Amino acid sequence: MPEIVLFHHVQGLTPGVAAFAEELREAGHTVHIPDLFDSRTFETLEEGIAYAKTIGFDTILDRGVTAAETLRPDLVYAGFSMGVMPAQKLAQSRAGARGALFFDACLPVTEFSERWPEGLPVQVHGMEADPIFAEEGDLDAARALVDSTEQAELFLYPGDVHLFADSSLPSYDKAATELMTSRVLDFLSRLK
């Protein structure tokens, strides 16, 4: 069973992120969920973004990379929204990665290297009308990733909310999350 490191979104390590990690654990996976915000959580995206800006996105990225350094390298790197930053950097730059899962975000591959690592499977999940995912470049980056490798899959869900898979937030979409989780578990079962 693949071991996973899952990075939280800008609202912090919420009960919904922990619940998603627990669902993966119940399927037999070991899941690590580093807290990049020192136990702070935020009621709104805006509050979380304001906090992230005060500590700096580079610092958050460094915290994620540092958290993974204590773990074995043959991991699946996963992240929700802001958490995609360290997940994607590690997937692209740390030798031994087994896969990557990006939820609500995707950065251009060239942010961390010239191209996506050969043979590294990745899934990207997002809502088709989420203004953050669909209109701020993440969807374009995800499509470019899919075009660059046969190892990439992009799944779009009907709706217009960000962080749809966090059961502790008002943006939670149960049906989309159940379908996403099914696809994630299938993806994980295919990793060697």
Protein backbone atom coordinates (compact mmCIF):
# COMPACT_ATOMS: atom_id res chain seq x y z
CA MET A 1 0.00 0.00 0.00
CA PRO A 2 1.39 3.42 -0.92
CA GLU A 3 2.30 5.78 1.91
CA ILE A 4 0.95 9.32 1.52
CA VAL A 5 1.88 12.75 2.79
CA LEU A 6 -1.13 15.08 2.57
CA PHE A 7 -0.73 18.85 2.86
CA HIS A 8 -3.62 20.98 4.07
CA HIS A 9 -5.15 24.04 2.41
CA VAL A 10 -4.97 27.71 3.43
CA GLN A 11 -7.65 27.34 6.10
CA GLY A 12 -5.30 25.04 7.99
CA LEU A 13 -5.37 21.46 9.14
CA THR A 14 -9.15 21.36 9.52
CA PRO A 15 -11.24 18.45 10.78
CA GLY A 16 -12.28 17.89 7.14
CA VAL A 17 -8.68 17.40 5.98
CA ALA A 18 -8.12 15.04 8.92
CA ALA A 19 -11.31 13.15 8.00
CA PHE A 20 -10.14 12.70 4.42
CA ALA A 21 -6.79 11.39 5.68
CA GLU A 22 -8.65 8.99 7.97
CA GLU A 23 -10.71 7.69 5.06
CA LEU A 24 -7.49 6.86 3.22
CA ARG A 25 -6.16 5.18 6.38
CA GLU A 26 -9.31 3.08 6.62
CA ALA A 27 -8.52 1.84 3.10
CA GLY A 28 -5.16 0.61 4.43
CA HIS A 29 -2.84 3.51 3.64
CA THR A 30 -0.41 5.23 5.96
CA VAL A 31 -1.13 8.96 5.76
CA HIS A 32 0.94 11.79 7.22
CA ILE A 33 -0.71 15.23 7.53
CA PRO A 34 1.89 17.83 8.51
CA ASP A 35 0.55 20.98 10.10
CA LEU A 36 2.11 23.89 8.21
CA PHE A 37 0.25 26.50 10.29
CA ASP A 38 1.24 25.52 13.86
CA SER A 39 -2.29 24.39 14.79
CA ARG A 40 -3.97 27.52 13.46
CA THR A 41 -7.17 27.17 11.42
CA PHE A 42 -9.30 29.85 9.81
CA GLU A 43 -13.03 30.22 9.26
CA THR A 44 -12.70 31.70 5.78
CA LEU A 45 -10.40 31.52 2.78
CA GLU A 46 -9.72 35.22 3.14
CA GLU A 47 -8.52 34.85 6.73
CA GLY A 48 -6.32 31.92 5.76
CA ILE A 49 -4.85 33.78 2.81
CA ALA A 50 -4.12 36.81 5.00
CA TYR A 51 -2.28 34.59 7.49
CA ALA A 52 -0.37 32.81 4.72
CA LYS A 53 0.74 36.18 3.36
CA THR A 54 2.06 37.22 6.76
CA ILE A 55 4.31 34.17 7.04
CA GLY A 56 5.00 34.01 3.30
CA PHE A 57 4.20 31.35 0.74
CA ASP A 58 7.90 30.52 0.39
CA THR A 59 8.00 29.75 4.11
CA ILE A 60 4.94 27.52 3.78
CA LEU A 61 6.57 25.72 0.86
CA ASP A 62 9.77 25.24 2.88
CA ARG A 63 7.80 23.92 5.86
CA GLY A 64 6.17 21.30 3.64
CA VAL A 65 9.45 20.19 2.12
CA THR A 66 11.07 20.04 5.58
CA ALA A 67 8.17 17.96 6.96
CA ALA A 68 8.68 15.39 4.21
CA GLU A 69 12.43 15.13 4.82
CA THR A 70 11.81 12.99 7.91
CA LEU A 71 9.73 10.53 5.87
CA ARG A 72 10.83 7.87 3.42
CA PRO A 73 11.13 9.15 -0.16
CA ASP A 74 8.82 6.67 -1.95
CA LEU A 75 5.65 8.55 -1.09
CA VAL A 76 2.55 9.76 -2.82
CA TYR A 77 2.54 13.54 -2.44
CA ALA A 78 -0.92 15.05 -2.07
CA GLY A 79 -2.26 18.50 -1.33
CA PHE A 80 -5.40 20.57 -1.11
CA SER A 81 -5.16 23.97 -2.81
CA MET A 82 -2.22 25.76 -1.12
CA GLY A 83 -0.96 22.33 -0.05
CA VAL A 84 -0.39 21.50 -3.71
CA MET A 85 2.67 23.77 -3.60
CA PRO A 86 4.79 21.47 -1.42
CA ALA A 87 3.17 18.33 -2.83
CA GLN A 88 3.98 19.29 -6.41
CA LYS A 89 7.50 20.47 -5.58
CA LEU A 90 8.28 17.22 -3.79
CA ALA A 91 6.72 15.07 -6.51
CA GLN A 92 8.80 16.83 -9.14
CA SER A 93 12.06 17.10 -7.23
CA ARG A 94 12.38 14.35 -4.62
CA ALA A 95 13.70 11.09 -6.01
CA GLY A 96 11.55 8.05 -5.43
CA ALA A 97 8.07 9.61 -5.56
CA ARG A 98 5.35 7.05 -6.33
CA GLY A 99 2.58 9.43 -7.35
CA ALA A 100 0.88 12.76 -6.83
CA LEU A 101 -2.64 13.92 -6.02
CA PHE A 102 -3.62 17.56 -6.44
CA PHE A 103 -6.98 18.86 -5.20
CA ASP A 104 -8.32 22.32 -6.14
CA ALA A 105 -4.97 23.48 -7.56
CA CYS A 106 -2.18 22.75 -10.01
CA LEU A 107 0.90 24.81 -10.71
CA PRO A 108 2.70 24.99 -14.05
CA VAL A 109 5.20 22.15 -14.20
CA THR A 110 7.96 24.65 -14.99
CA GLU A 111 7.55 26.14 -11.52
CA PHE A 112 9.73 23.33 -10.16
CA SER A 113 11.51 21.70 -13.12
CA GLU A 114 11.64 21.63 -16.90
CA ARG A 115 9.11 18.81 -17.22
CA TRP A 116 7.01 16.34 -15.26
CA PRO A 117 9.07 13.33 -14.05
CA GLU A 118 8.90 10.47 -16.49
CA GLY A 119 6.62 7.65 -15.37
CA LEU A 120 5.23 9.50 -12.32
CA PRO A 121 1.43 9.16 -12.17
CA VAL A 122 -0.64 12.14 -11.10
CA GLN A 123 -4.29 13.03 -10.67
CA VAL A 124 -5.70 16.56 -10.54
CA HIS A 125 -9.21 17.16 -9.16
CA GLY A 126 -11.19 20.39 -9.21
CA MET A 127 -14.60 21.91 -9.79
CA GLU A 128 -15.15 23.07 -13.34
CA ALA A 129 -16.50 26.50 -12.35
CA ASP A 130 -14.47 27.10 -9.19
CA PRO A 131 -13.27 30.66 -9.78
CA ILE A 132 -9.94 30.00 -8.05
CA PHE A 133 -9.19 26.72 -9.86
CA ALA A 134 -10.77 27.49 -13.23
CA GLU A 135 -10.00 31.18 -13.62
CA GLU A 136 -6.62 31.73 -11.92
CA GLY A 137 -4.53 29.43 -14.10
CA ASP A 138 -4.74 26.13 -12.21
CA LEU A 139 -7.05 24.48 -14.72
CA ASP A 140 -4.80 25.62 -17.59
CA ALA A 141 -1.76 24.21 -15.74
CA ALA A 142 -3.61 20.93 -15.16
CA ARG A 143 -4.54 20.63 -18.82
CA ALA A 144 -0.94 21.36 -19.84
CA LEU A 145 0.24 18.67 -17.44
CA VAL A 146 -2.18 16.16 -18.94
CA ASP A 147 -0.99 17.11 -22.43
CA SER A 148 2.64 16.61 -21.40
CA THR A 149 2.43 13.05 -20.08
CA GLU A 150 0.31 9.94 -20.38
CA GLN A 151 0.69 9.55 -16.62
CA ALA A 152 -1.66 12.45 -15.78
CA GLU A 153 -5.42 12.45 -15.26
CA LEU A 154 -7.65 15.49 -14.80
CA PHE A 155 -11.07 15.14 -13.20
CA LEU A 156 -13.55 18.02 -13.23
CA TYR A 157 -16.67 18.03 -11.09
CA PRO A 158 -19.83 20.08 -11.61
CA GLY A 159 -19.92 23.07 -9.33
CA ASP A 160 -18.31 26.37 -8.50
CA VAL A 161 -16.83 26.01 -5.02
CA HIS A 162 -13.26 25.79 -3.79
CA LEU A 163 -12.27 23.11 -1.25
CA PHE A 164 -15.26 20.94 -2.12
CA ALA A 165 -13.77 17.85 -0.41
CA ASP A 166 -13.35 19.33 3.09
CA SER A 167 -16.33 18.00 5.06
CA SER A 168 -15.83 20.61 7.79
CA LEU A 169 -16.38 23.60 5.48
CA PRO A 170 -19.59 25.07 4.00
CA SER A 171 -18.14 24.45 0.52
CA TYR A 172 -18.29 20.67 1.03
CA ASP A 173 -19.94 18.73 -1.79
CA LYS A 174 -20.65 15.18 -0.65
CA ALA A 175 -21.42 13.68 -4.06
CA ALA A 176 -18.34 15.18 -5.72
CA THR A 177 -16.16 14.12 -2.78
CA GLU A 178 -17.42 10.55 -2.88
CA LEU A 179 -16.64 10.32 -6.59
CA MET A 180 -13.23 11.95 -6.07
CA THR A 181 -12.39 9.59 -3.21
CA SER A 182 -13.34 6.60 -5.33
CA ARG A 183 -11.02 7.81 -8.09
CA VAL A 184 -8.23 8.48 -5.59
CA LEU A 185 -8.51 5.01 -4.08
CA ASP A 186 -8.47 3.46 -7.56
CA PHE A 187 -5.38 5.52 -8.41
CA LEU A 188 -3.63 4.38 -5.23
CA SER A 189 -4.50 0.74 -5.88
CA ARG A 190 -2.75 0.93 -9.26
CA LEU A 191 0.56 2.18 -7.88
CA LYS A 192 3.32 -0.38 -7.74
